[in-house]
C-alpha atoms as a PDB file:
ATOM      1  CA  MET A   1     -72.901 139.997 -53.980  1.00  0.00           C
ATOM      2  CA  LYS A   2     -73.588 143.376 -54.611  1.00  0.00           C
ATOM      3  CA  ILE A   3     -71.373 145.644 -56.988  1.00  0.00           C
ATOM      4  CA  ALA A   4     -71.815 149.368 -56.963  1.00  0.00           C
ATOM      5  CA  ILE A   5     -70.598 151.730 -59.812  1.00  0.00           C
ATOM      6  CA  VAL A   6     -69.948 155.291 -58.314  1.00  0.00           C
ATOM      7  CA  GLY A   7     -70.272 157.878 -60.695  1.00  0.00           C
ATOM      8  CA  ALA A   8     -72.456 155.774 -63.004  1.00  0.00           C
ATOM      9  CA  THR A   9     -73.973 158.595 -65.293  1.00  0.00           C
ATOM     10  CA  GLY A  10     -70.487 159.809 -66.438  1.00  0.00           C
ATOM     11  CA  ALA A  11     -68.632 158.238 -69.589  1.00  0.00           C
ATOM     12  CA  VAL A  12     -66.586 155.822 -67.777  1.00  0.00           C
ATOM     13  CA  GLY A  13     -69.480 154.837 -65.364  1.00  0.00           C
ATOM     14  CA  GLN A  14     -71.708 154.032 -68.265  1.00  0.00           C
ATOM     15  CA  GLN A  15     -68.964 151.923 -70.065  1.00  0.00           C
ATOM     16  CA  MET A  16     -68.499 149.915 -66.618  1.00  0.00           C
ATOM     17  CA  LEU A  17     -72.151 148.827 -66.700  1.00  0.00           C
ATOM     18  CA  GLN A  18     -71.894 147.937 -70.272  1.00  0.00           C
ATOM     19  CA  CYS A  19     -68.689 145.933 -69.689  1.00  0.00           C
ATOM     20  CA  LEU A  20     -70.308 144.115 -66.706  1.00  0.00           C
ATOM     21  CA  GLU A  21     -72.994 143.064 -68.978  1.00  0.00           C
ATOM     22  CA  GLU A  22     -70.857 141.889 -71.793  1.00  0.00           C
ATOM     23  CA  ARG A  23     -68.603 139.994 -69.575  1.00  0.00           C
ATOM     24  CA  ASN A  24     -71.866 138.457 -67.731  1.00  0.00           C
ATOM     25  CA  VAL A  25     -70.327 139.420 -64.331  1.00  0.00           C
ATOM     26  CA  GLU A  26     -72.429 137.612 -61.744  1.00  0.00           C
ATOM     27  CA  GLY A  27     -74.017 139.779 -58.953  1.00  0.00           C
ATOM     28  CA  GLU A  28     -76.473 142.552 -58.368  1.00  0.00           C
ATOM     29  CA  VAL A  29     -75.638 145.939 -59.489  1.00  0.00           C
ATOM     30  CA  LYS A  30     -76.185 149.465 -57.797  1.00  0.00           C
ATOM     31  CA  LEU A  31     -75.744 152.552 -59.408  1.00  0.00           C
ATOM     32  CA  LEU A  32     -74.744 155.691 -57.584  1.00  0.00           C
ATOM     33  CA  ALA A  33     -74.354 159.323 -58.688  1.00  0.00           C
ATOM     34  CA  SER A  34     -75.150 163.045 -57.718  1.00  0.00           C
ATOM     35  CA  SER A  35     -78.459 164.483 -56.570  1.00  0.00           C
ATOM     36  CA  ARG A  36     -78.938 165.684 -60.304  1.00  0.00           C
ATOM     37  CA  SER A  37     -79.066 162.043 -61.411  1.00  0.00           C
ATOM     38  CA  LYS A  38     -81.131 160.418 -58.670  1.00  0.00           C
ATOM     39  CA  GLY A  39     -84.177 158.612 -59.829  1.00  0.00           C
ATOM     40  CA  LYS A  40     -83.204 157.964 -63.474  1.00  0.00           C
ATOM     41  CA  VAL A  41     -83.751 154.445 -64.933  1.00  0.00           C
ATOM     42  CA  VAL A  42     -80.829 152.744 -66.845  1.00  0.00           C
ATOM     43  CA  SER A  43     -81.378 149.379 -68.678  1.00  0.00           C
ATOM     44  CA  TYR A  44     -79.081 146.363 -67.539  1.00  0.00           C
ATOM     45  CA  LYS A  45     -79.429 142.784 -68.527  1.00  0.00           C
ATOM     46  CA  GLY A  46     -82.714 143.445 -69.406  1.00  0.00           C
ATOM     47  CA  LYS A  47     -83.786 145.235 -66.187  1.00  0.00           C
ATOM     48  CA  ASP A  48     -84.537 148.711 -65.058  1.00  0.00           C
ATOM     49  CA  LEU A  49     -82.031 149.963 -62.569  1.00  0.00           C
ATOM     50  CA  VAL A  50     -82.661 153.093 -60.785  1.00  0.00           C
ATOM     51  CA  ILE A  51     -79.901 155.598 -59.851  1.00  0.00           C
ATOM     52  CA  GLU A  52     -79.414 156.459 -56.415  1.00  0.00           C
ATOM     53  CA  GLU A  53     -77.839 159.335 -54.616  1.00  0.00           C
ATOM     54  CA  LEU A  54     -74.516 158.905 -53.388  1.00  0.00           C
ATOM     55  CA  CYS A  55     -74.196 159.388 -49.520  1.00  0.00           C
ATOM     56  CA  GLU A  56     -72.582 157.986 -46.538  1.00  0.00           C
ATOM     57  CA  ASP A  57     -75.052 155.007 -46.267  1.00  0.00           C
ATOM     58  CA  SER A  58     -74.623 153.925 -49.918  1.00  0.00           C
ATOM     59  CA  PHE A  59     -72.081 151.333 -49.215  1.00  0.00           C
ATOM     60  CA  ASN A  60     -73.832 149.492 -46.311  1.00  0.00           C
ATOM     61  CA  ASP A  61     -75.054 146.594 -48.464  1.00  0.00           C
ATOM     62  CA  VAL A  62     -72.089 146.593 -51.090  1.00  0.00           C
ATOM     63  CA  ASP A  63     -69.318 144.126 -51.494  1.00  0.00           C
ATOM     64  CA  TYR A  64     -67.405 145.676 -54.394  1.00  0.00           C
ATOM     65  CA  ALA A  65     -67.284 149.084 -56.070  1.00  0.00           C
ATOM     66  CA  LEU A  66     -66.040 150.261 -59.417  1.00  0.00           C
ATOM     67  CA  GLY A  67     -65.056 154.223 -58.995  1.00  0.00           C
ATOM     68  CA  ALA A  68     -65.647 156.495 -61.748  1.00  0.00           C
ATOM     69  CA  THR A  69     -65.439 159.863 -60.072  1.00  0.00           C
ATOM     70  CA  GLU A  70     -63.213 162.983 -59.914  1.00  0.00           C
ATOM     71  CA  ASN A  71     -60.378 162.945 -57.333  1.00  0.00           C
ATOM     72  CA  ASP A  72     -62.130 165.205 -54.833  1.00  0.00           C
ATOM     73  CA  ILE A  73     -65.417 162.992 -54.881  1.00  0.00           C
ATOM     74  CA  THR A  74     -63.230 159.786 -54.778  1.00  0.00           C
ATOM     75  CA  LYS A  75     -61.612 160.948 -51.414  1.00  0.00           C
ATOM     76  CA  MET A  76     -64.944 161.978 -50.154  1.00  0.00           C
ATOM     77  CA  TRP A  77     -66.747 158.492 -50.388  1.00  0.00           C
ATOM     78  CA  MET A  78     -63.848 156.339 -50.026  1.00  0.00           C
ATOM     79  CA  PRO A  79     -63.830 156.044 -46.152  1.00  0.00           C
ATOM     80  CA  TRP A  80     -67.559 155.306 -46.189  1.00  0.00           C
ATOM     81  CA  ALA A  81     -66.643 152.289 -48.521  1.00  0.00           C
ATOM     82  CA  GLN A  82     -63.811 151.441 -46.409  1.00  0.00           C
ATOM     83  CA  LYS A  83     -65.952 151.647 -43.344  1.00  0.00           C
ATOM     84  CA  ASN A  84     -68.389 148.884 -44.820  1.00  0.00           C
ATOM     85  CA  HIS A  85     -65.314 146.745 -45.802  1.00  0.00           C
ATOM     86  CA  VAL A  86     -65.962 147.282 -49.602  1.00  0.00           C
ATOM     87  CA  VAL A  87     -63.324 146.463 -52.053  1.00  0.00           C
ATOM     88  CA  VAL A  88     -62.886 149.275 -54.438  1.00  0.00           C
ATOM     89  CA  VAL A  89     -61.362 149.221 -57.892  1.00  0.00           C
ATOM     90  CA  ASP A  90     -60.915 153.112 -58.400  1.00  0.00           C
ATOM     91  CA  ASN A  91     -60.405 155.085 -61.800  1.00  0.00           C
ATOM     92  CA  SER A  92     -59.250 158.218 -60.283  1.00  0.00           C
ATOM     93  CA  SER A  93     -55.653 159.290 -59.880  1.00  0.00           C
ATOM     94  CA  ALA A  94     -56.184 159.734 -55.875  1.00  0.00           C
ATOM     95  CA  TYR A  95     -54.542 156.401 -54.704  1.00  0.00           C
ATOM     96  CA  ARG A  96     -52.438 155.472 -57.784  1.00  0.00           C
ATOM     97  CA  LEU A  97     -49.112 156.179 -56.356  1.00  0.00           C
ATOM     98  CA  ASP A  98     -49.995 155.331 -52.613  1.00  0.00           C
ATOM     99  CA  LYS A  99     -47.419 152.670 -51.802  1.00  0.00           C
ATOM    100  CA  ASP A 100     -50.272 150.404 -50.177  1.00  0.00           C
ATOM    101  CA  VAL A 101     -52.579 150.451 -53.258  1.00  0.00           C
ATOM    102  CA  PRO A 102     -51.844 148.174 -56.054  1.00  0.00           C
ATOM    103  CA  LEU A 103     -51.626 149.757 -59.396  1.00  0.00           C
ATOM    104  CA  VAL A 104     -52.703 147.076 -61.924  1.00  0.00           C
ATOM    105  CA  ILE A 105     -53.070 146.239 -65.474  1.00  0.00           C
ATOM    106  CA  PRO A 106     -54.194 142.362 -65.493  1.00  0.00           C
ATOM    107  CA  GLU A 107     -52.220 141.608 -68.658  1.00  0.00           C
ATOM    108  CA  ILE A 108     -49.112 142.938 -66.787  1.00  0.00           C
ATOM    109  CA  ASN A 109     -49.022 142.542 -63.294  1.00  0.00           C
ATOM    110  CA  PRO A 110     -52.439 140.616 -62.120  1.00  0.00           C
ATOM    111  CA  GLU A 111     -50.326 139.343 -58.989  1.00  0.00           C
ATOM    112  CA  ASP A 112     -50.487 142.515 -57.342  1.00  0.00           C
ATOM    113  CA  ILE A 113     -54.260 142.594 -56.927  1.00  0.00           C
ATOM    114  CA  GLN A 114     -54.072 140.293 -54.137  1.00  0.00           C
ATOM    115  CA  LYS A 115     -51.938 142.701 -52.003  1.00  0.00           C
ATOM    116  CA  HIS A 116     -54.480 145.339 -51.786  1.00  0.00           C
ATOM    117  CA  HIS A 117     -56.017 146.611 -48.449  1.00  0.00           C
ATOM    118  CA  GLY A 118     -59.329 147.639 -49.605  1.00  0.00           C
ATOM    119  CA  ILE A 119     -58.323 149.607 -52.790  1.00  0.00           C
ATOM    120  CA  ILE A 120     -56.863 148.755 -56.286  1.00  0.00           C
ATOM    121  CA  ALA A 121     -56.050 151.623 -58.691  1.00  0.00           C
ATOM    122  CA  ASN A 122     -56.863 151.690 -62.320  1.00  0.00           C
ATOM    123  CA  PRO A 123     -53.915 153.468 -64.159  1.00  0.00           C
ATOM    124  CA  ASN A 124     -54.226 156.585 -66.210  1.00  0.00           C
ATOM    125  CA  CYS A 125     -55.601 155.686 -69.700  1.00  0.00           C
ATOM    126  CA  ALA A 126     -52.700 156.839 -71.431  1.00  0.00           C
ATOM    127  CA  THR A 127     -50.382 154.562 -69.370  1.00  0.00           C
ATOM    128  CA  ILE A 128     -52.549 151.416 -69.792  1.00  0.00           C
ATOM    129  CA  ILE A 129     -52.450 151.920 -73.728  1.00  0.00           C
ATOM    130  CA  ALA A 130     -48.626 152.528 -73.704  1.00  0.00           C
ATOM    131  CA  LEU A 131     -47.771 149.562 -71.356  1.00  0.00           C
ATOM    132  CA  VAL A 132     -50.046 146.905 -72.938  1.00  0.00           C
ATOM    133  CA  ALA A 133     -48.191 147.740 -75.935  1.00  0.00           C
ATOM    134  CA  LEU A 134     -44.788 147.614 -74.712  1.00  0.00           C
ATOM    135  CA  ASN A 135     -44.846 144.895 -72.071  1.00  0.00           C
ATOM    136  CA  GLU A 136     -43.790 141.921 -74.356  1.00  0.00           C
ATOM    137  CA  LEU A 137     -41.305 144.263 -76.012  1.00  0.00           C
ATOM    138  CA  LYS A 138     -39.896 144.935 -72.287  1.00  0.00           C
ATOM    139  CA  LYS A 139     -39.537 141.344 -71.550  1.00  0.00           C
ATOM    140  CA  GLU A 140     -37.745 140.695 -74.776  1.00  0.00           C
ATOM    141  CA  PHE A 141     -35.458 143.724 -75.183  1.00  0.00           C
ATOM    142  CA  GLY A 142     -35.519 145.444 -71.768  1.00  0.00           C
ATOM    143  CA  ILE A 143     -36.644 149.133 -71.857  1.00  0.00           C
ATOM    144  CA  LYS A 144     -34.624 151.631 -70.295  1.00  0.00           C
ATOM    145  CA  ARG A 145     -35.950 154.951 -71.801  1.00  0.00           C
ATOM    146  CA  MET A 146     -39.179 156.124 -73.416  1.00  0.00           C
ATOM    147  CA  ILE A 147     -40.105 159.089 -75.509  1.00  0.00           C
ATOM    148  CA  VAL A 148     -43.917 159.485 -76.001  1.00  0.00           C
ATOM    149  CA  SER A 149     -46.204 161.772 -77.547  1.00  0.00           C
ATOM    150  CA  THR A 150     -49.781 161.237 -76.815  1.00  0.00           C
ATOM    151  CA  TYR A 151     -53.012 162.104 -79.069  1.00  0.00           C
ATOM    152  CA  GLN A 152     -55.588 161.894 -76.535  1.00  0.00           C
ATOM    153  CA  ALA A 153     -59.210 162.007 -77.559  1.00  0.00           C
ATOM    154  CA  VAL A 154     -61.873 164.528 -75.768  1.00  0.00           C
ATOM    155  CA  SER A 155     -63.299 161.500 -73.851  1.00  0.00           C
ATOM    156  CA  GLY A 156     -60.564 161.752 -71.539  1.00  0.00           C
ATOM    157  CA  ALA A 157     -62.203 164.986 -70.385  1.00  0.00           C
ATOM    158  CA  GLY A 158     -65.431 163.054 -69.744  1.00  0.00           C
ATOM    159  CA  VAL A 159     -68.871 163.694 -71.097  1.00  0.00           C
ATOM    160  CA  LYS A 160     -68.251 167.410 -71.165  1.00  0.00           C
ATOM    161  CA  GLY A 161     -65.127 167.064 -73.450  1.00  0.00           C
ATOM    162  CA  ILE A 162     -67.477 164.840 -75.938  1.00  0.00           C
ATOM    163  CA  HIS A 163     -70.106 167.481 -75.859  1.00  0.00           C
ATOM    164  CA  ASP A 164     -67.513 170.195 -76.770  1.00  0.00           C
ATOM    165  CA  LEU A 165     -66.131 168.322 -79.806  1.00  0.00           C
ATOM    166  CA  GLU A 166     -69.599 167.619 -81.068  1.00  0.00           C
ATOM    167  CA  ALA A 167     -70.842 171.077 -80.823  1.00  0.00           C
ATOM    168  CA  GLN A 168     -67.771 172.764 -82.034  1.00  0.00           C
ATOM    169  CA  ALA A 169     -67.777 170.386 -85.062  1.00  0.00           C
ATOM    170  CA  LYS A 170     -71.113 172.101 -86.022  1.00  0.00           C
ATOM    171  CA  ASP A 171     -70.431 175.593 -84.716  1.00  0.00           C
ATOM    172  CA  PRO A 172     -66.799 176.498 -83.890  1.00  0.00           C
ATOM    173  CA  SER A 173     -67.942 179.565 -82.033  1.00  0.00           C
ATOM    174  CA  ILE A 174     -69.738 177.577 -79.224  1.00  0.00           C
ATOM    175  CA  PRO A 175     -67.561 177.982 -76.194  1.00  0.00           C
ATOM    176  CA  SER A 176     -65.526 175.104 -74.686  1.00  0.00           C
ATOM    177  CA  THR A 177     -66.736 173.856 -71.283  1.00  0.00           C
ATOM    178  CA  ALA A 178     -63.852 171.364 -70.666  1.00  0.00           C
ATOM    179  CA  PHE A 179     -61.025 172.644 -72.529  1.00  0.00           C
ATOM    180  CA  PRO A 180     -59.159 176.231 -72.246  1.00  0.00           C
ATOM    181  CA  TYR A 181     -59.607 176.529 -76.094  1.00  0.00           C
ATOM    182  CA  GLN A 182     -61.586 175.256 -78.886  1.00  0.00           C
ATOM    183  CA  ILE A 183     -61.068 171.776 -79.570  1.00  0.00           C
ATOM    184  CA  ALA A 184     -62.737 171.388 -82.934  1.00  0.00           C
ATOM    185  CA  TYR A 185     -60.162 171.797 -85.800  1.00  0.00           C
ATOM    186  CA  ASN A 186     -57.527 172.238 -83.204  1.00  0.00           C
ATOM    187  CA  LEU A 187     -54.752 170.626 -81.011  1.00  0.00           C
ATOM    188  CA  ILE A 188     -54.028 171.710 -77.242  1.00  0.00           C
ATOM    189  CA  PRO A 189     -50.807 170.925 -76.052  1.00  0.00           C
ATOM    190  CA  GLN A 190     -51.754 170.755 -72.311  1.00  0.00           C
ATOM    191  CA  ILE A 191     -53.465 168.189 -70.303  1.00  0.00           C
ATOM    192  CA  GLY A 192     -53.171 169.000 -66.648  1.00  0.00           C
ATOM    193  CA  ASP A 193     -51.475 171.764 -64.795  1.00  0.00           C
ATOM    194  CA  PHE A 194     -47.867 172.557 -65.501  1.00  0.00           C
ATOM    195  CA  ASP A 195     -45.124 172.416 -62.758  1.00  0.00           C
ATOM    196  CA  ASP A 196     -41.929 174.695 -62.741  1.00  0.00           C
ATOM    197  CA  GLN A 197     -40.212 172.604 -65.242  1.00  0.00           C
ATOM    198  CA  GLY A 198     -43.134 172.850 -67.654  1.00  0.00           C
ATOM    199  CA  ILE A 199     -44.000 169.373 -67.329  1.00  0.00           C
ATOM    200  CA  SER A 200     -47.936 168.790 -67.058  1.00  0.00           C
ATOM    201  CA  LYS A 201     -49.254 166.372 -64.338  1.00  0.00           C
ATOM    202  CA  GLU A 202     -50.448 164.023 -67.291  1.00  0.00           C
ATOM    203  CA  GLU A 203     -47.078 163.842 -68.551  1.00  0.00           C
ATOM    204  CA  TRP A 204     -45.632 162.925 -65.157  1.00  0.00           C
ATOM    205  CA  LYS A 205     -48.212 159.763 -65.189  1.00  0.00           C
ATOM    206  CA  MET A 206     -46.562 157.795 -67.737  1.00  0.00           C
ATOM    207  CA  GLN A 207     -43.043 157.524 -65.739  1.00  0.00           C
ATOM    208  CA  ASN A 208     -44.551 157.278 -62.226  1.00  0.00           C
ATOM    209  CA  GLU A 209     -47.419 154.816 -63.154  1.00  0.00           C
ATOM    210  CA  GLY A 210     -45.098 152.744 -65.538  1.00  0.00           C
ATOM    211  CA  ARG A 211     -42.309 152.349 -62.798  1.00  0.00           C
ATOM    212  CA  LYS A 212     -44.890 151.189 -60.281  1.00  0.00           C
ATOM    213  CA  ILE A 213     -46.776 148.705 -62.646  1.00  0.00           C
ATOM    214  CA  TRP A 214     -43.529 147.377 -63.988  1.00  0.00           C
ATOM    215  CA  HIS A 215     -41.653 147.297 -60.563  1.00  0.00           C
ATOM    216  CA  ASP A 216     -38.641 149.301 -62.526  1.00  0.00           C
ATOM    217  CA  GLU A 217     -37.455 152.433 -60.479  1.00  0.00           C
ATOM    218  CA  ASN A 218     -35.073 152.881 -63.194  1.00  0.00           C
ATOM    219  CA  LEU A 219     -37.417 153.521 -65.917  1.00  0.00           C
ATOM    220  CA  LEU A 220     -37.011 156.937 -67.813  1.00  0.00           C
ATOM    221  CA  VAL A 221     -39.906 158.753 -69.523  1.00  0.00           C
ATOM    222  CA  SER A 222     -40.235 161.805 -71.458  1.00  0.00           C
ATOM    223  CA  CYS A 223     -43.704 162.763 -72.360  1.00  0.00           C
ATOM    224  CA  THR A 224     -45.674 165.425 -74.320  1.00  0.00           C
ATOM    225  CA  CYS A 225     -49.321 165.036 -73.960  1.00  0.00           C
ATOM    226  CA  VAL A 226     -51.800 166.648 -76.691  1.00  0.00           C
ATOM    227  CA  ARG A 227     -55.594 166.817 -76.734  1.00  0.00           C
ATOM    228  CA  VAL A 228     -56.837 166.306 -80.252  1.00  0.00           C
ATOM    229  CA  PRO A 229     -60.419 166.464 -81.878  1.00  0.00           C
ATOM    230  CA  ILE A 230     -61.148 162.556 -81.710  1.00  0.00           C
ATOM    231  CA  LEU A 231     -63.812 161.405 -79.715  1.00  0.00           C
ATOM    232  CA  ARG A 232     -62.725 158.305 -77.713  1.00  0.00           C
ATOM    233  CA  SER A 233     -59.596 156.775 -78.656  1.00  0.00           C
ATOM    234  CA  HIS A 234     -56.185 157.578 -77.532  1.00  0.00           C
ATOM    235  CA  SER A 235     -53.000 157.674 -79.921  1.00  0.00           C
ATOM    236  CA  GLU A 236     -49.259 157.422 -78.995  1.00  0.00           C
ATOM    237  CA  SER A 237     -46.061 157.541 -80.949  1.00  0.00           C
ATOM    238  CA  ILE A 238     -43.473 155.761 -78.891  1.00  0.00           C
ATOM    239  CA  PHE A 239     -39.712 155.665 -79.081  1.00  0.00           C
ATOM    240  CA  ILE A 240     -37.928 153.199 -76.781  1.00  0.00           C
ATOM    241  CA  GLU A 241     -34.191 152.769 -75.912  1.00  0.00           C
ATOM    242  CA  CYS A 242     -33.370 149.101 -74.740  1.00  0.00           C
ATOM    243  CA  GLU A 243     -30.828 147.227 -73.206  1.00  0.00           C
ATOM    244  CA  LYS A 244     -30.650 144.695 -75.926  1.00  0.00           C
ATOM    245  CA  GLU A 245     -30.230 145.410 -79.914  1.00  0.00           C
ATOM    246  CA  VAL A 246     -33.736 145.397 -81.334  1.00  0.00           C
ATOM    247  CA  ASP A 247     -35.003 143.462 -84.018  1.00  0.00           C
ATOM    248  CA  VAL A 248     -38.165 144.360 -86.053  1.00  0.00           C
ATOM    249  CA  ALA A 249     -39.352 141.120 -86.796  1.00  0.00           C
ATOM    250  CA  LYS A 250     -39.036 140.055 -83.373  1.00  0.00           C
ATOM    251  CA  ALA A 251     -40.886 143.081 -82.262  1.00  0.00           C
ATOM    252  CA  ARG A 252     -43.881 142.082 -84.433  1.00  0.00           C
ATOM    253  CA  ALA A 253     -43.723 138.801 -83.220  1.00  0.00           C
ATOM    254  CA  CYS A 254     -43.979 140.023 -79.439  1.00  0.00           C
ATOM    255  CA  ILE A 255     -47.241 142.005 -80.313  1.00  0.00           C
ATOM    256  CA  GLU A 256     -48.696 138.770 -82.102  1.00  0.00           C
ATOM    257  CA  LYS A 257     -48.415 136.833 -78.758  1.00  0.00           C
ATOM    258  CA  ALA A 258     -49.250 139.943 -76.297  1.00  0.00           C
ATOM    259  CA  ALA A 259     -52.502 139.747 -74.188  1.00  0.00           C
ATOM    260  CA  GLY A 260     -54.877 142.511 -75.472  1.00  0.00           C
ATOM    261  CA  CYS A 261     -52.893 143.555 -78.457  1.00  0.00           C
ATOM    262  CA  GLN A 262     -53.456 143.401 -82.182  1.00  0.00           C
ATOM    263  CA  LEU A 263     -50.577 143.765 -84.671  1.00  0.00           C
ATOM    264  CA  LYS A 264     -51.493 146.299 -87.487  1.00  0.00           C
ATOM    265  CA  ASP A 265     -47.935 146.624 -89.286  1.00  0.00           C
ATOM    266  CA  ASP A 266     -48.087 146.649 -93.008  1.00  0.00           C
ATOM    267  CA  PRO A 267     -47.539 150.201 -93.946  1.00  0.00           C
ATOM    268  CA  GLN A 268     -46.958 149.398 -97.615  1.00  0.00           C
ATOM    269  CA  ASN A 269     -50.611 148.271 -97.906  1.00  0.00           C
ATOM    270  CA  LYS A 270     -51.872 151.264 -95.599  1.00  0.00           C
ATOM    271  CA  ILE A 271     -52.046 149.143 -92.484  1.00  0.00           C
ATOM    272  CA  TYR A 272     -51.291 150.663 -89.269  1.00  0.00           C
ATOM    273  CA  PRO A 273     -53.138 151.470 -86.029  1.00  0.00           C
ATOM    274  CA  MET A 274     -55.832 154.237 -86.247  1.00  0.00           C
ATOM    275  CA  PRO A 275     -58.243 155.609 -83.454  1.00  0.00           C
ATOM    276  CA  LEU A 276     -61.137 155.267 -85.574  1.00  0.00           C
ATOM    277  CA  ASP A 277     -60.618 151.426 -85.692  1.00  0.00           C
ATOM    278  CA  THR A 278     -60.018 150.762 -82.299  1.00  0.00           C
ATOM    279  CA  THR A 279     -63.077 152.716 -80.856  1.00  0.00           C
ATOM    280  CA  ASN A 280     -65.542 150.690 -79.063  1.00  0.00           C
ATOM    281  CA  GLN A 281     -63.397 147.398 -78.650  1.00  0.00           C
ATOM    282  CA  ASP A 282     -60.690 146.380 -76.037  1.00  0.00           C
ATOM    283  CA  ASP A 283     -57.662 145.670 -77.809  1.00  0.00           C
ATOM    284  CA  VAL A 284     -54.700 147.980 -78.311  1.00  0.00           C
ATOM    285  CA  PHE A 285     -53.595 148.225 -81.977  1.00  0.00           C
ATOM    286  CA  VAL A 286     -49.908 148.449 -82.315  1.00  0.00           C
ATOM    287  CA  GLY A 287     -47.732 149.025 -85.565  1.00  0.00           C
ATOM    288  CA  ARG A 288     -45.404 151.412 -87.611  1.00  0.00           C
ATOM    289  CA  PHE A 289     -42.252 149.421 -86.277  1.00  0.00           C
ATOM    290  CA  ARG A 290     -39.114 150.864 -87.264  1.00  0.00           C
ATOM    291  CA  LYS A 291     -35.385 151.005 -85.835  1.00  0.00           C
ATOM    292  CA  ASP A 292     -34.056 154.514 -85.278  1.00  0.00           C
ATOM    293  CA  ILE A 293     -31.765 155.543 -87.915  1.00  0.00           C
ATOM    294  CA  ALA A 294     -29.986 157.869 -85.764  1.00  0.00           C
ATOM    295  CA  ASP A 295     -29.003 155.239 -83.272  1.00  0.00           C
ATOM    296  CA  PRO A 296     -25.912 153.586 -84.670  1.00  0.00           C
ATOM    297  CA  SER A 297     -26.035 150.919 -81.560  1.00  0.00           C
ATOM    298  CA  GLY A 298     -29.391 149.494 -82.925  1.00  0.00           C
ATOM    299  CA  HIS A 299     -30.873 149.495 -79.572  1.00  0.00           C
ATOM    300  CA  SER A 300     -33.853 152.033 -80.312  1.00  0.00           C
ATOM    301  CA  LEU A 301     -37.395 151.284 -81.845  1.00  0.00           C
ATOM    302  CA  SER A 302     -40.185 153.546 -82.802  1.00  0.00           C
ATOM    303  CA  LEU A 303     -43.764 152.363 -82.907  1.00  0.00           C
ATOM    304  CA  PHE A 304     -47.408 153.714 -82.765  1.00  0.00           C
ATOM    305  CA  CYS A 305     -50.191 152.278 -81.096  1.00  0.00           C
ATOM    306  CA  CYS A 306     -54.255 153.397 -80.349  1.00  0.00           C
ATOM    307  CA  GLY A 307     -56.525 152.171 -78.004  1.00  0.00           C
ATOM    308  CA  ASP A 308     -60.233 153.091 -76.934  1.00  0.00           C
ATOM    309  CA  GLN A 309     -59.698 155.354 -73.712  1.00  0.00           C
ATOM    310  CA  ILE A 310     -63.104 154.726 -72.253  1.00  0.00           C
ATOM    311  CA  ARG A 311     -62.948 151.043 -72.564  1.00  0.00           C
ATOM    312  CA  LYS A 312     -59.351 149.514 -72.150  1.00  0.00           C
ATOM    313  CA  GLY A 313     -58.009 152.842 -70.950  1.00  0.00           C
ATOM    314  CA  ALA A 314     -60.497 153.062 -68.039  1.00  0.00           C
ATOM    315  CA  ALA A 315     -63.824 150.968 -67.640  1.00  0.00           C
ATOM    316  CA  THR A 316     -62.846 147.518 -69.197  1.00  0.00           C
ATOM    317  CA  ASN A 317     -59.461 147.642 -67.342  1.00  0.00           C
ATOM    318  CA  ALA A 318     -61.197 148.191 -64.004  1.00  0.00           C
ATOM    319  CA  VAL A 319     -63.851 145.229 -64.787  1.00  0.00           C
ATOM    320  CA  GLN A 320     -61.203 142.994 -65.679  1.00  0.00           C
ATOM    321  CA  ILE A 321     -59.518 143.796 -61.944  1.00  0.00           C
ATOM    322  CA  LEU A 322     -62.872 143.087 -60.735  1.00  0.00           C
ATOM    323  CA  GLN A 323     -62.968 139.593 -62.390  1.00  0.00           C
ATOM    324  CA  GLU A 324     -59.587 138.725 -61.163  1.00  0.00           C
ATOM    325  CA  LEU A 325     -60.791 139.500 -57.639  1.00  0.00           C
ATOM    326  CA  LEU A 326     -63.796 137.337 -58.074  1.00  0.00           C
ATOM    327  CA  LYS A 327     -61.551 134.366 -59.120  1.00  0.00           C
END
């Protein structure tokens, strides 16, 4: 069996390779990238892998591919993969809302994986982190509406975003290459282009992808996405309006049993989710549970969660899908 990583030199592609090694996924690995990276050598399981240039013939000997490229590049190489009957787990947003493409978080809807026609989509990073945190709460209380504010790390903009923050932390006068403004010591309340309602592309993803993953066309989401000067873990402040009256103790119990979650909810002892603590591991940390004091019905709950954007928000989720396929 041969597994290709397409976009192997980017932040997500590099993390995919590390996750394959950590999880000891069996199979030969092939690394594909642009002509700029051709010939570079990367270590994997004690051996050297040489990066190959992505081209039409790259998939002739490949069984599975993990995609970590931008939408336009993904749409270019996807027909080449499909021509060779390669099963692709794609991290771009190019096919996420295609009705024939499963959109999967393995802790939530692994059964959708087997419905694929050659492509399985990885959800948006902020969507993954939020839904992993909320899935057991949805089962317990029923979620009708969500109000979400995201605090998204620069890693969401790839290697360039990380370089911008690291450079500007030393010298704020260095121009940004990934963002419209300086990111060090700043917040930017825009991720993606705005539509005529003033809603950005990133903000639409939480509702559109959440509906598809949960198979709930009635889910309502209001989202504000903000880029913050954090290297790689996203944080989210989430308000949920539920079908049933919520109970904070039950909510905590839900997180304690939830796959992929850790409960961090003892604010009196300064225990709560923080991005630094979630960096370079795969669980979503969840805490700051409190009932909405403005809702006399008792059907509303607020919480805070954090998760590593490059790992669970992208690479790890894709590798988990691949592992489900290999079963």
